[in-house]
Amino acid sequence: MGKITLEYLAKIAGYSKTTVSRVLSGKGDKYRISKDAQQLIHSIAEQENFKPKTAAQSLRNKLSCSVALIVPQISNPFFAELASATIAEAQRYDYSVMILDTQENVELEKREVQNAIKRGVDGIILVPCGNTPGYLEEVSRQIPLILTDRYFPSSSTSYVSTNNYDGAYQMMKYLLDLGHRNILCIQGLMASVTSKERVRGCKQAVKDFGEACNLYVKGNAYSVENGYVATRIGITYQPRPTAIFAMSSTILLGAVQALTEQHVRVPDDISLVSFDNNQYMDYLNPPVSRVSQPISLIGQTAMKILYECICSGRKPTSQILMTPTIIRRNSVSLCDVDM
């Protein structure tokens, strides 16, 4: 046989070239590779007279020590915070993060995914903007891939997200318990699982409450404009909403603008709540009650899982929904139960 290659050893051992390189360069413990895997790789390398020096050089040539974070809109405060948390976690592993913005465009998303792969990143963290997982399942067979925020319930693709259903359910129950029976929910992108789950949570809370309620569900974008337009239209409905549930922080800003222009007081005239937690909400007048997602923990966890999979050569398989919390402020008032 000719010169023994790293590819040959990896094939025999059943691990990735990256894992074999790290073990043979003495970094197995650092990268949390199991003792059994290390022992097997060392045994095979010894039998084949493969030199660790060669493996170490291959490791340096193989890894970029970078990952791509691909989001729909980095100007959205949610994705900006997600990026910050992801970068902070990546720095713990001496990794850099390439941030790419798809502008909620599926074709641009596909292009940016391929660009990231061509640039040699070791893995991808992605917030998808499409509603079909097919091509992403194919990508996950080429490179470690994990989804955040949005995901595909019917797909095996790995993800870390919030339990949006539970967060919306708890907030809607809070409004119902305070007497609100005419409620406007302004949703985000209708095709996204986050929006679907939030609307589903609201509807289930109304159903479980067991009393008549007018639930108006409007909108189709995670944008200020969507919040503004839906609010201007919504406050003309009869019966008029006594509460508005803005299903993102950007939607909330549009709702606040519309209510201010129409001289509608919060919470005296209409109560107002939001999904997402941003510090500025405590500086509005009044401070806004909201559903707080563990955004930093989502970013940290996704990066940690991705890193461990890069190190071990495993495909990410974790599917995690994290629990949100309700933050109560002064933007909701008691409502006379009279429809």
C-alpha atoms as a PDB file:
ATOM      1  CA  MET A   1       0.000   0.000   0.000  1.00  0.00           C
ATOM      2  CA  GLY A   2       1.159   3.553  -0.701  1.00  0.00           C
ATOM      3  CA  LYS A   3       1.281   6.457   1.726  1.00  0.00           C
ATOM      4  CA  ILE A   4      -1.359   6.194   4.461  1.00  0.00           C
ATOM      5  CA  THR A   5      -3.691   9.180   4.343  1.00  0.00           C
ATOM      6  CA  LEU A   6      -5.897  10.791   6.946  1.00  0.00           C
ATOM      7  CA  GLU A   7      -8.918   9.990   4.770  1.00  0.00           C
ATOM      8  CA  TYR A   8      -7.988   6.320   4.843  1.00  0.00           C
ATOM      9  CA  LEU A   9      -7.694   6.269   8.632  1.00  0.00           C
ATOM     10  CA  ALA A  10     -10.973   8.148   9.059  1.00  0.00           C
ATOM     11  CA  LYS A  11     -12.771   5.637   6.833  1.00  0.00           C
ATOM     12  CA  ILE A  12     -11.443   2.669   8.801  1.00  0.00           C
ATOM     13  CA  ALA A  13     -12.156   4.258  12.194  1.00  0.00           C
ATOM     14  CA  GLY A  14     -15.617   5.459  11.221  1.00  0.00           C
ATOM     15  CA  TYR A  15     -14.979   9.051  12.334  1.00  0.00           C
ATOM     16  CA  SER A  16     -14.489  12.321  10.475  1.00  0.00           C
ATOM     17  CA  LYS A  17     -11.052  13.501   9.354  1.00  0.00           C
ATOM     18  CA  THR A  18     -11.357  16.365  11.839  1.00  0.00           C
ATOM     19  CA  THR A  19     -11.883  13.983  14.755  1.00  0.00           C
ATOM     20  CA  VAL A  20      -9.001  11.727  13.711  1.00  0.00           C
ATOM     21  CA  SER A  21      -6.719  14.760  13.303  1.00  0.00           C
ATOM     22  CA  ARG A  22      -7.522  16.077  16.743  1.00  0.00           C
ATOM     23  CA  VAL A  23      -7.000  12.747  18.445  1.00  0.00           C
ATOM     24  CA  LEU A  24      -3.655  12.111  16.766  1.00  0.00           C
ATOM     25  CA  SER A  25      -2.438  15.637  17.495  1.00  0.00           C
ATOM     26  CA  GLY A  26      -3.105  15.132  21.206  1.00  0.00           C
ATOM     27  CA  LYS A  27      -6.233  17.292  21.403  1.00  0.00           C
ATOM     28  CA  GLY A  28      -8.828  14.594  21.982  1.00  0.00           C
ATOM     29  CA  ASP A  29      -9.549  15.585  25.578  1.00  0.00           C
ATOM     30  CA  LYS A  30      -9.676  19.284  24.756  1.00  0.00           C
ATOM     31  CA  TYR A  31     -12.368  18.659  22.168  1.00  0.00           C
ATOM     32  CA  ARG A  32     -14.259  16.183  24.375  1.00  0.00           C
ATOM     33  CA  ILE A  33     -13.738  13.176  22.147  1.00  0.00           C
ATOM     34  CA  SER A  34     -14.582   9.967  24.001  1.00  0.00           C
ATOM     35  CA  LYS A  35     -11.810   7.776  25.418  1.00  0.00           C
ATOM     36  CA  ASP A  36     -13.054   4.805  23.407  1.00  0.00           C
ATOM     37  CA  ALA A  37     -12.853   6.800  20.180  1.00  0.00           C
ATOM     38  CA  GLN A  38      -9.363   8.044  21.038  1.00  0.00           C
ATOM     39  CA  GLN A  39      -8.147   4.535  21.843  1.00  0.00           C
ATOM     40  CA  LEU A  40      -9.551   3.128  18.601  1.00  0.00           C
ATOM     41  CA  ILE A  41      -8.025   5.869  16.464  1.00  0.00           C
ATOM     42  CA  HIS A  42      -4.621   5.558  18.121  1.00  0.00           C
ATOM     43  CA  SER A  43      -4.675   1.773  17.670  1.00  0.00           C
ATOM     44  CA  ILE A  44      -5.478   2.020  13.972  1.00  0.00           C
ATOM     45  CA  ALA A  45      -2.881   4.737  13.422  1.00  0.00           C
ATOM     46  CA  GLU A  46      -0.231   2.627  15.172  1.00  0.00           C
ATOM     47  CA  GLN A  47      -1.063  -0.456  13.111  1.00  0.00           C
ATOM     48  CA  GLU A  48      -0.873   1.556   9.916  1.00  0.00           C
ATOM     49  CA  ASN A  49       2.311   3.383  11.015  1.00  0.00           C
ATOM     50  CA  PHE A  50       0.621   6.775  10.618  1.00  0.00           C
ATOM     51  CA  LYS A  51       2.587   9.678  12.123  1.00  0.00           C
ATOM     52  CA  PRO A  52       0.778  12.217  14.416  1.00  0.00           C
ATOM     53  CA  LYS A  53       2.787  15.010  12.834  1.00  0.00           C
ATOM     54  CA  THR A  54       0.960  14.394   9.570  1.00  0.00           C
ATOM     55  CA  ALA A  55      -2.385  14.466  11.363  1.00  0.00           C
ATOM     56  CA  ALA A  56      -1.619  17.757  13.081  1.00  0.00           C
ATOM     57  CA  GLN A  57      -0.730  19.360   9.762  1.00  0.00           C
ATOM     58  CA  SER A  58      -3.933  18.014   8.229  1.00  0.00           C
ATOM     59  CA  LEU A  59      -5.958  19.457  11.108  1.00  0.00           C
ATOM     60  CA  ARG A  60      -4.549  22.919  10.494  1.00  0.00           C
ATOM     61  CA  ASN A  61      -5.371  22.639   6.805  1.00  0.00           C
ATOM     62  CA  LYS A  62      -8.856  21.253   7.381  1.00  0.00           C
ATOM     63  CA  LEU A  63     -10.486  23.640   9.868  1.00  0.00           C
ATOM     64  CA  SER A  64     -11.289  27.292   9.358  1.00  0.00           C
ATOM     65  CA  CYS A  65     -12.254  27.808  13.015  1.00  0.00           C
ATOM     66  CA  SER A  66     -15.229  29.795  11.759  1.00  0.00           C
ATOM     67  CA  VAL A  67     -18.982  29.288  11.496  1.00  0.00           C
ATOM     68  CA  ALA A  68     -21.703  31.144   9.630  1.00  0.00           C
ATOM     69  CA  LEU A  69     -24.738  32.686  11.325  1.00  0.00           C
ATOM     70  CA  ILE A  70     -27.437  33.329   8.726  1.00  0.00           C
ATOM     71  CA  VAL A  71     -30.438  35.431   9.799  1.00  0.00           C
ATOM     72  CA  PRO A  72     -33.452  36.982   8.019  1.00  0.00           C
ATOM     73  CA  GLN A  73     -32.764  40.562   9.110  1.00  0.00           C
ATOM     74  CA  ILE A  74     -29.887  41.622  11.341  1.00  0.00           C
ATOM     75  CA  SER A  75     -31.548  45.012  11.974  1.00  0.00           C
ATOM     76  CA  ASN A  76     -34.273  43.189  13.932  1.00  0.00           C
ATOM     77  CA  PRO A  77     -33.352  43.521  17.643  1.00  0.00           C
ATOM     78  CA  PHE A  78     -34.103  39.841  18.217  1.00  0.00           C
ATOM     79  CA  PHE A  79     -31.576  38.680  15.637  1.00  0.00           C
ATOM     80  CA  ALA A  80     -29.029  41.263  16.748  1.00  0.00           C
ATOM     81  CA  GLU A  81     -29.187  39.863  20.293  1.00  0.00           C
ATOM     82  CA  LEU A  82     -29.034  36.305  18.967  1.00  0.00           C
ATOM     83  CA  ALA A  83     -25.901  37.209  16.997  1.00  0.00           C
ATOM     84  CA  SER A  84     -24.271  38.796  20.035  1.00  0.00           C
ATOM     85  CA  ALA A  85     -24.857  35.689  22.160  1.00  0.00           C
ATOM     86  CA  THR A  86     -23.636  33.373  19.405  1.00  0.00           C
ATOM     87  CA  ILE A  87     -20.438  35.378  18.913  1.00  0.00           C
ATOM     88  CA  ALA A  88     -19.721  35.452  22.648  1.00  0.00           C
ATOM     89  CA  GLU A  89     -20.061  31.668  22.873  1.00  0.00           C
ATOM     90  CA  ALA A  90     -17.955  31.122  19.734  1.00  0.00           C
ATOM     91  CA  GLN A  91     -15.146  33.217  21.208  1.00  0.00           C
ATOM     92  CA  ARG A  92     -14.895  30.732  24.076  1.00  0.00           C
ATOM     93  CA  TYR A  93     -13.743  28.173  21.511  1.00  0.00           C
ATOM     94  CA  ASP A  94     -11.507  30.578  19.558  1.00  0.00           C
ATOM     95  CA  TYR A  95     -14.021  30.561  16.726  1.00  0.00           C
ATOM     96  CA  SER A  96     -15.092  33.498  14.585  1.00  0.00           C
ATOM     97  CA  VAL A  97     -18.645  34.058  13.298  1.00  0.00           C
ATOM     98  CA  MET A  98     -19.521  35.173   9.770  1.00  0.00           C
ATOM     99  CA  ILE A  99     -22.923  36.932   9.825  1.00  0.00           C
ATOM    100  CA  LEU A 100     -25.046  36.819   6.672  1.00  0.00           C
ATOM    101  CA  ASP A 101     -28.423  38.530   6.125  1.00  0.00           C
ATOM    102  CA  THR A 102     -31.055  36.951   3.861  1.00  0.00           C
ATOM    103  CA  GLN A 103     -33.624  39.789   4.020  1.00  0.00           C
ATOM    104  CA  GLU A 104     -36.444  37.199   4.371  1.00  0.00           C
ATOM    105  CA  ASN A 105     -35.681  35.984   0.840  1.00  0.00           C
ATOM    106  CA  VAL A 106     -35.544  32.210   0.321  1.00  0.00           C
ATOM    107  CA  GLU A 107     -33.418  32.383  -2.843  1.00  0.00           C
ATOM    108  CA  LEU A 108     -30.956  34.706  -1.152  1.00  0.00           C
ATOM    109  CA  GLU A 109     -30.863  32.322   1.801  1.00  0.00           C
ATOM    110  CA  LYS A 110     -29.912  29.421  -0.472  1.00  0.00           C
ATOM    111  CA  ARG A 111     -27.211  31.542  -2.080  1.00  0.00           C
ATOM    112  CA  GLU A 112     -25.773  32.624   1.270  1.00  0.00           C
ATOM    113  CA  VAL A 113     -25.738  29.030   2.540  1.00  0.00           C
ATOM    114  CA  GLN A 114     -23.722  27.974  -0.494  1.00  0.00           C
ATOM    115  CA  ASN A 115     -21.443  31.000  -0.130  1.00  0.00           C
ATOM    116  CA  ALA A 116     -20.750  30.034   3.478  1.00  0.00           C
ATOM    117  CA  ILE A 117     -19.880  26.485   2.454  1.00  0.00           C
ATOM    118  CA  LYS A 118     -17.593  27.723  -0.338  1.00  0.00           C
ATOM    119  CA  ARG A 119     -15.805  29.967   2.136  1.00  0.00           C
ATOM    120  CA  GLY A 120     -14.947  26.892   4.158  1.00  0.00           C
ATOM    121  CA  VAL A 121     -16.853  27.467   7.400  1.00  0.00           C
ATOM    122  CA  ASP A 122     -16.943  24.473   9.740  1.00  0.00           C
ATOM    123  CA  GLY A 123     -20.680  24.739  10.465  1.00  0.00           C
ATOM    124  CA  ILE A 124     -23.810  26.838   9.993  1.00  0.00           C
ATOM    125  CA  ILE A 125     -26.376  28.297  12.397  1.00  0.00           C
ATOM    126  CA  LEU A 126     -29.438  29.372  10.439  1.00  0.00           C
ATOM    127  CA  VAL A 127     -32.765  31.133  10.997  1.00  0.00           C
ATOM    128  CA  PRO A 128     -34.684  29.874   7.946  1.00  0.00           C
ATOM    129  CA  CYS A 129     -37.143  32.084   6.101  1.00  0.00           C
ATOM    130  CA  GLY A 130     -38.720  29.394   3.916  1.00  0.00           C
ATOM    131  CA  ASN A 131     -41.403  26.890   4.842  1.00  0.00           C
ATOM    132  CA  THR A 132     -39.973  23.698   3.310  1.00  0.00           C
ATOM    133  CA  PRO A 133     -36.996  21.867   4.855  1.00  0.00           C
ATOM    134  CA  GLY A 134     -35.902  19.797   1.845  1.00  0.00           C
ATOM    135  CA  TYR A 135     -32.788  21.652   0.726  1.00  0.00           C
ATOM    136  CA  LEU A 136     -31.671  22.307   4.315  1.00  0.00           C
ATOM    137  CA  GLU A 137     -31.861  18.587   5.057  1.00  0.00           C
ATOM    138  CA  GLU A 138     -29.522  18.102   2.096  1.00  0.00           C
ATOM    139  CA  VAL A 139     -27.186  20.823   3.385  1.00  0.00           C
ATOM    140  CA  SER A 140     -27.096  19.142   6.810  1.00  0.00           C
ATOM    141  CA  ARG A 141     -25.623  16.058   5.139  1.00  0.00           C
ATOM    142  CA  GLN A 142     -22.743  18.182   3.824  1.00  0.00           C
ATOM    143  CA  ILE A 143     -21.915  20.288   6.865  1.00  0.00           C
ATOM    144  CA  PRO A 144     -22.990  20.550  10.538  1.00  0.00           C
ATOM    145  CA  LEU A 145     -26.182  22.646  10.542  1.00  0.00           C
ATOM    146  CA  ILE A 146     -28.446  23.776  13.355  1.00  0.00           C
ATOM    147  CA  LEU A 147     -31.535  25.995  13.124  1.00  0.00           C
ATOM    148  CA  THR A 148     -32.463  28.659  15.667  1.00  0.00           C
ATOM    149  CA  ASP A 149     -35.733  30.490  16.338  1.00  0.00           C
ATOM    150  CA  ARG A 150     -37.560  29.043  13.320  1.00  0.00           C
ATOM    151  CA  TYR A 151     -37.586  25.330  12.583  1.00  0.00           C
ATOM    152  CA  PHE A 152     -39.520  22.539  10.857  1.00  0.00           C
ATOM    153  CA  PRO A 153     -41.503  20.310  13.246  1.00  0.00           C
ATOM    154  CA  SER A 154     -41.783  17.481  10.715  1.00  0.00           C
ATOM    155  CA  SER A 155     -38.063  17.480   9.860  1.00  0.00           C
ATOM    156  CA  SER A 156     -35.137  15.763  11.566  1.00  0.00           C
ATOM    157  CA  THR A 157     -33.026  18.926  11.185  1.00  0.00           C
ATOM    158  CA  SER A 158     -31.566  20.033  14.514  1.00  0.00           C
ATOM    159  CA  TYR A 159     -32.881  23.212  16.155  1.00  0.00           C
ATOM    160  CA  VAL A 160     -32.896  25.352  19.291  1.00  0.00           C
ATOM    161  CA  SER A 161     -35.905  27.629  19.731  1.00  0.00           C
ATOM    162  CA  THR A 162     -38.496  28.985  22.145  1.00  0.00           C
ATOM    163  CA  ASN A 163     -41.725  27.245  23.043  1.00  0.00           C
ATOM    164  CA  ASN A 164     -43.733  29.914  21.233  1.00  0.00           C
ATOM    165  CA  TYR A 165     -47.010  28.105  21.805  1.00  0.00           C
ATOM    166  CA  ASP A 166     -46.567  28.170  25.578  1.00  0.00           C
ATOM    167  CA  GLY A 167     -45.487  31.825  25.658  1.00  0.00           C
ATOM    168  CA  ALA A 168     -48.499  32.988  23.643  1.00  0.00           C
ATOM    169  CA  TYR A 169     -50.854  30.752  25.621  1.00  0.00           C
ATOM    170  CA  GLN A 170     -49.715  32.194  28.953  1.00  0.00           C
ATOM    171  CA  MET A 171     -49.935  35.796  27.752  1.00  0.00           C
ATOM    172  CA  MET A 172     -53.403  35.307  26.285  1.00  0.00           C
ATOM    173  CA  LYS A 173     -54.569  33.651  29.495  1.00  0.00           C
ATOM    174  CA  TYR A 174     -53.235  36.682  31.403  1.00  0.00           C
ATOM    175  CA  LEU A 175     -55.354  39.018  29.249  1.00  0.00           C
ATOM    176  CA  LEU A 176     -58.438  36.827  29.565  1.00  0.00           C
ATOM    177  CA  ASP A 177     -58.085  36.623  33.349  1.00  0.00           C
ATOM    178  CA  LEU A 178     -58.101  40.431  33.458  1.00  0.00           C
ATOM    179  CA  GLY A 179     -61.434  40.537  31.633  1.00  0.00           C
ATOM    180  CA  HIS A 180     -60.395  41.165  28.028  1.00  0.00           C
ATOM    181  CA  ARG A 181     -62.723  39.542  25.502  1.00  0.00           C
ATOM    182  CA  ASN A 182     -61.995  41.595  22.350  1.00  0.00           C
ATOM    183  CA  ILE A 183     -58.315  41.093  21.520  1.00  0.00           C
ATOM    184  CA  LEU A 184     -56.280  41.992  18.447  1.00  0.00           C
ATOM    185  CA  CYS A 185     -53.301  39.715  17.766  1.00  0.00           C
ATOM    186  CA  ILE A 186     -50.816  41.094  15.229  1.00  0.00           C
ATOM    187  CA  GLN A 187     -48.834  38.162  13.892  1.00  0.00           C
ATOM    188  CA  GLY A 188     -45.523  37.999  12.066  1.00  0.00           C
ATOM    189  CA  LEU A 189     -44.678  36.094   8.901  1.00  0.00           C
ATOM    190  CA  MET A 190     -47.587  33.678   8.499  1.00  0.00           C
ATOM    191  CA  ALA A 191     -45.441  30.924   6.963  1.00  0.00           C
ATOM    192  CA  SER A 192     -42.988  30.827   9.884  1.00  0.00           C
ATOM    193  CA  VAL A 193     -43.412  28.252  12.629  1.00  0.00           C
ATOM    194  CA  THR A 194     -42.926  30.951  15.278  1.00  0.00           C
ATOM    195  CA  SER A 195     -45.974  32.854  14.069  1.00  0.00           C
ATOM    196  CA  LYS A 196     -48.038  29.705  13.632  1.00  0.00           C
ATOM    197  CA  GLU A 197     -47.239  28.502  17.136  1.00  0.00           C
ATOM    198  CA  ARG A 198     -47.993  31.874  18.735  1.00  0.00           C
ATOM    199  CA  VAL A 199     -51.356  32.093  17.022  1.00  0.00           C
ATOM    200  CA  ARG A 200     -52.091  28.479  17.946  1.00  0.00           C
ATOM    201  CA  GLY A 201     -51.285  29.246  21.588  1.00  0.00           C
ATOM    202  CA  CYS A 202     -53.618  32.247  21.609  1.00  0.00           C
ATOM    203  CA  LYS A 203     -56.488  30.312  20.063  1.00  0.00           C
ATOM    204  CA  GLN A 204     -56.051  27.392  22.444  1.00  0.00           C
ATOM    205  CA  ALA A 205     -56.046  29.722  25.459  1.00  0.00           C
ATOM    206  CA  VAL A 206     -59.357  31.207  24.307  1.00  0.00           C
ATOM    207  CA  LYS A 207     -60.789  27.738  23.729  1.00  0.00           C
ATOM    208  CA  ASP A 208     -59.674  26.491  27.145  1.00  0.00           C
ATOM    209  CA  PHE A 209     -61.014  29.619  28.850  1.00  0.00           C
ATOM    210  CA  GLY A 210     -64.460  28.600  27.696  1.00  0.00           C
ATOM    211  CA  GLU A 211     -66.087  32.011  27.317  1.00  0.00           C
ATOM    212  CA  ALA A 212     -67.058  33.958  24.204  1.00  0.00           C
ATOM    213  CA  CYS A 213     -64.226  36.080  22.863  1.00  0.00           C
ATOM    214  CA  ASN A 214     -63.553  38.070  19.696  1.00  0.00           C
ATOM    215  CA  LEU A 215     -59.998  37.190  18.665  1.00  0.00           C
ATOM    216  CA  TYR A 216     -58.835  39.220  15.678  1.00  0.00           C
ATOM    217  CA  VAL A 217     -55.663  37.814  14.054  1.00  0.00           C
ATOM    218  CA  LYS A 218     -54.090  40.187  11.507  1.00  0.00           C
ATOM    219  CA  GLY A 219     -50.729  40.917   9.888  1.00  0.00           C
ATOM    220  CA  ASN A 220     -48.042  39.019   7.977  1.00  0.00           C
ATOM    221  CA  ALA A 221     -44.580  40.409   8.772  1.00  0.00           C
ATOM    222  CA  TYR A 222     -42.177  40.921  11.660  1.00  0.00           C
ATOM    223  CA  SER A 223     -41.949  44.621  10.889  1.00  0.00           C
ATOM    224  CA  VAL A 224     -42.778  48.054  12.285  1.00  0.00           C
ATOM    225  CA  GLU A 225     -44.930  48.741   9.228  1.00  0.00           C
ATOM    226  CA  ASN A 226     -47.020  45.638   9.847  1.00  0.00           C
ATOM    227  CA  GLY A 227     -47.630  46.651  13.456  1.00  0.00           C
ATOM    228  CA  TYR A 228     -48.578  50.172  12.440  1.00  0.00           C
ATOM    229  CA  VAL A 229     -51.020  49.234   9.658  1.00  0.00           C
ATOM    230  CA  ALA A 230     -52.662  46.378  11.578  1.00  0.00           C
ATOM    231  CA  THR A 231     -53.206  48.633  14.588  1.00  0.00           C
ATOM    232  CA  ARG A 232     -54.661  51.513  12.557  1.00  0.00           C
ATOM    233  CA  ILE A 233     -57.126  49.079  10.989  1.00  0.00           C
ATOM    234  CA  GLY A 234     -57.738  47.037  14.125  1.00  0.00           C
ATOM    235  CA  ILE A 235     -58.876  49.900  16.325  1.00  0.00           C
ATOM    236  CA  THR A 236     -61.746  50.527  13.883  1.00  0.00           C
ATOM    237  CA  TYR A 237     -63.235  47.059  14.427  1.00  0.00           C
ATOM    238  CA  GLN A 238     -66.564  46.659  16.187  1.00  0.00           C
ATOM    239  CA  PRO A 239     -66.498  45.660  18.921  1.00  0.00           C
ATOM    240  CA  ARG A 240     -63.271  47.569  19.389  1.00  0.00           C
ATOM    241  CA  PRO A 241     -60.324  45.607  20.813  1.00  0.00           C
ATOM    242  CA  THR A 242     -59.627  46.261  24.490  1.00  0.00           C
ATOM    243  CA  ALA A 243     -56.147  44.711  24.159  1.00  0.00           C
ATOM    244  CA  ILE A 244     -53.494  44.323  21.465  1.00  0.00           C
ATOM    245  CA  PHE A 245     -50.984  41.463  21.445  1.00  0.00           C
ATOM    246  CA  ALA A 246     -48.032  42.470  19.233  1.00  0.00           C
ATOM    247  CA  MET A 247     -46.213  39.263  18.384  1.00  0.00           C
ATOM    248  CA  SER A 248     -42.722  40.736  18.095  1.00  0.00           C
ATOM    249  CA  SER A 249     -40.804  43.754  19.355  1.00  0.00           C
ATOM    250  CA  THR A 250     -40.776  45.334  15.885  1.00  0.00           C
ATOM    251  CA  ILE A 251     -44.542  44.885  15.552  1.00  0.00           C
ATOM    252  CA  LEU A 252     -44.897  46.503  18.975  1.00  0.00           C
ATOM    253  CA  LEU A 253     -43.090  49.652  17.827  1.00  0.00           C
ATOM    254  CA  GLY A 254     -45.499  50.054  14.921  1.00  0.00           C
ATOM    255  CA  ALA A 255     -48.473  49.540  17.234  1.00  0.00           C
ATOM    256  CA  VAL A 256     -47.179  52.179  19.660  1.00  0.00           C
ATOM    257  CA  GLN A 257     -46.742  54.661  16.818  1.00  0.00           C
ATOM    258  CA  ALA A 258     -50.285  54.075  15.536  1.00  0.00           C
ATOM    259  CA  LEU A 259     -51.862  54.356  18.990  1.00  0.00           C
ATOM    260  CA  THR A 260     -49.938  57.548  19.720  1.00  0.00           C
ATOM    261  CA  GLU A 261     -51.050  59.166  16.457  1.00  0.00           C
ATOM    262  CA  GLN A 262     -54.667  58.293  17.172  1.00  0.00           C
ATOM    263  CA  HIS A 263     -54.425  59.573  20.758  1.00  0.00           C
ATOM    264  CA  VAL A 264     -55.278  56.144  22.163  1.00  0.00           C
ATOM    265  CA  ARG A 265     -53.973  55.839  25.708  1.00  0.00           C
ATOM    266  CA  VAL A 266     -52.255  52.703  27.032  1.00  0.00           C
ATOM    267  CA  PRO A 267     -53.625  51.081  29.157  1.00  0.00           C
ATOM    268  CA  ASP A 268     -56.575  53.426  29.828  1.00  0.00           C
ATOM    269  CA  ASP A 269     -58.115  52.980  26.373  1.00  0.00           C
ATOM    270  CA  ILE A 270     -56.373  49.826  25.123  1.00  0.00           C
ATOM    271  CA  SER A 271     -54.048  47.393  26.881  1.00  0.00           C
ATOM    272  CA  LEU A 272     -50.867  46.456  25.027  1.00  0.00           C
ATOM    273  CA  VAL A 273     -48.544  43.432  25.324  1.00  0.00           C
ATOM    274  CA  SER A 274     -45.718  42.057  23.225  1.00  0.00           C
ATOM    275  CA  PHE A 275     -43.769  38.920  22.360  1.00  0.00           C
ATOM    276  CA  ASP A 276     -39.988  39.406  22.817  1.00  0.00           C
ATOM    277  CA  ASN A 277     -38.133  41.169  25.566  1.00  0.00           C
ATOM    278  CA  ASN A 278     -36.063  44.273  24.883  1.00  0.00           C
ATOM    279  CA  GLN A 279     -34.732  46.681  27.475  1.00  0.00           C
ATOM    280  CA  TYR A 280     -36.345  49.679  25.787  1.00  0.00           C
ATOM    281  CA  MET A 281     -39.791  48.315  26.678  1.00  0.00           C
ATOM    282  CA  ASP A 282     -39.205  49.343  30.279  1.00  0.00           C
ATOM    283  CA  TYR A 283     -38.614  52.915  29.111  1.00  0.00           C
ATOM    284  CA  LEU A 284     -41.854  53.264  27.180  1.00  0.00           C
ATOM    285  CA  ASN A 285     -44.764  55.055  28.817  1.00  0.00           C
ATOM    286  CA  PRO A 286     -46.068  52.873  30.307  1.00  0.00           C
ATOM    287  CA  PRO A 287     -43.549  49.995  30.439  1.00  0.00           C
ATOM    288  CA  VAL A 288     -44.866  47.096  28.340  1.00  0.00           C
ATOM    289  CA  SER A 289     -45.774  43.608  29.561  1.00  0.00           C
ATOM    290  CA  ARG A 290     -44.225  40.936  27.350  1.00  0.00           C
ATOM    291  CA  VAL A 291     -43.238  37.344  26.709  1.00  0.00           C
ATOM    292  CA  SER A 292     -39.499  37.047  27.264  1.00  0.00           C
ATOM    293  CA  GLN A 293     -37.599  34.554  25.129  1.00  0.00           C
ATOM    294  CA  PRO A 294     -34.245  33.229  26.441  1.00  0.00           C
ATOM    295  CA  ILE A 295     -32.467  34.639  23.380  1.00  0.00           C
ATOM    296  CA  SER A 296     -28.954  34.581  24.825  1.00  0.00           C
ATOM    297  CA  LEU A 297     -29.355  30.996  25.984  1.00  0.00           C
ATOM    298  CA  ILE A 298     -30.671  29.982  22.556  1.00  0.00           C
ATOM    299  CA  GLY A 299     -27.611  31.461  20.830  1.00  0.00           C
ATOM    300  CA  GLN A 300     -25.196  29.993  23.365  1.00  0.00           C
ATOM    301  CA  THR A 301     -26.760  26.543  23.189  1.00  0.00           C
ATOM    302  CA  ALA A 302     -26.850  26.442  19.400  1.00  0.00           C
ATOM    303  CA  MET A 303     -23.184  27.418  19.176  1.00  0.00           C
ATOM    304  CA  LYS A 304     -22.187  24.921  21.857  1.00  0.00           C
ATOM    305  CA  ILE A 305     -24.002  22.059  20.123  1.00  0.00           C
ATOM    306  CA  LEU A 306     -22.528  23.027  16.751  1.00  0.00           C
ATOM    307  CA  TYR A 307     -19.006  23.217  18.161  1.00  0.00           C
ATOM    308  CA  GLU A 308     -19.264  19.834  19.846  1.00  0.00           C
ATOM    309  CA  CYS A 309     -20.520  18.288  16.612  1.00  0.00           C
ATOM    310  CA  ILE A 310     -17.697  19.862  14.632  1.00  0.00           C
ATOM    311  CA  CYS A 311     -15.209  18.419  17.120  1.00  0.00           C
ATOM    312  CA  SER A 312     -16.722  14.946  17.229  1.00  0.00           C
ATOM    313  CA  GLY A 313     -17.669  14.664  13.580  1.00  0.00           C
ATOM    314  CA  ARG A 314     -21.278  13.951  14.524  1.00  0.00           C
ATOM    315  CA  LYS A 315     -24.323  15.365  12.800  1.00  0.00           C
ATOM    316  CA  PRO A 316     -26.373  17.705  15.042  1.00  0.00           C
ATOM    317  CA  THR A 317     -29.584  15.953  16.119  1.00  0.00           C
ATOM    318  CA  SER A 318     -30.789  17.993  19.125  1.00  0.00           C
ATOM    319  CA  GLN A 319     -34.277  19.510  18.913  1.00  0.00           C
ATOM    320  CA  ILE A 320     -34.784  21.866  21.839  1.00  0.00           C
ATOM    321  CA  LEU A 321     -37.662  24.169  22.806  1.00  0.00           C
ATOM    322  CA  MET A 322     -36.830  26.523  25.667  1.00  0.00           C
ATOM    323  CA  THR A 323     -39.392  27.895  28.106  1.00  0.00           C
ATOM    324  CA  PRO A 324     -40.289  31.620  27.866  1.00  0.00           C
ATOM    325  CA  THR A 325     -41.374  33.761  30.818  1.00  0.00           C
ATOM    326  CA  ILE A 326     -44.039  36.430  31.246  1.00  0.00           C
ATOM    327  CA  ILE A 327     -42.835  39.877  32.364  1.00  0.00           C
ATOM    328  CA  ARG A 328     -45.679  41.961  33.788  1.00  0.00           C
ATOM    329  CA  ARG A 329     -45.484  45.736  33.659  1.00  0.00           C
ATOM    330  CA  ASN A 330     -48.069  48.549  33.561  1.00  0.00           C
ATOM    331  CA  SER A 331     -49.445  48.302  30.026  1.00  0.00           C
ATOM    332  CA  VAL A 332     -52.443  46.103  30.919  1.00  0.00           C
ATOM    333  CA  SER A 333     -55.498  47.147  32.874  1.00  0.00           C
ATOM    334  CA  LEU A 334     -58.556  45.358  34.187  1.00  0.00           C
ATOM    335  CA  CYS A 335     -61.417  45.270  31.701  1.00  0.00           C
ATOM    336  CA  ASP A 336     -65.135  45.195  32.350  1.00  0.00           C
ATOM    337  CA  VAL A 337     -66.325  41.809  31.061  1.00  0.00           C
ATOM    338  CA  ASP A 338     -68.962  43.221  28.761  1.00  0.00           C
ATOM    339  CA  MET A 339     -68.756  42.375  25.098  1.00  0.00           C
END
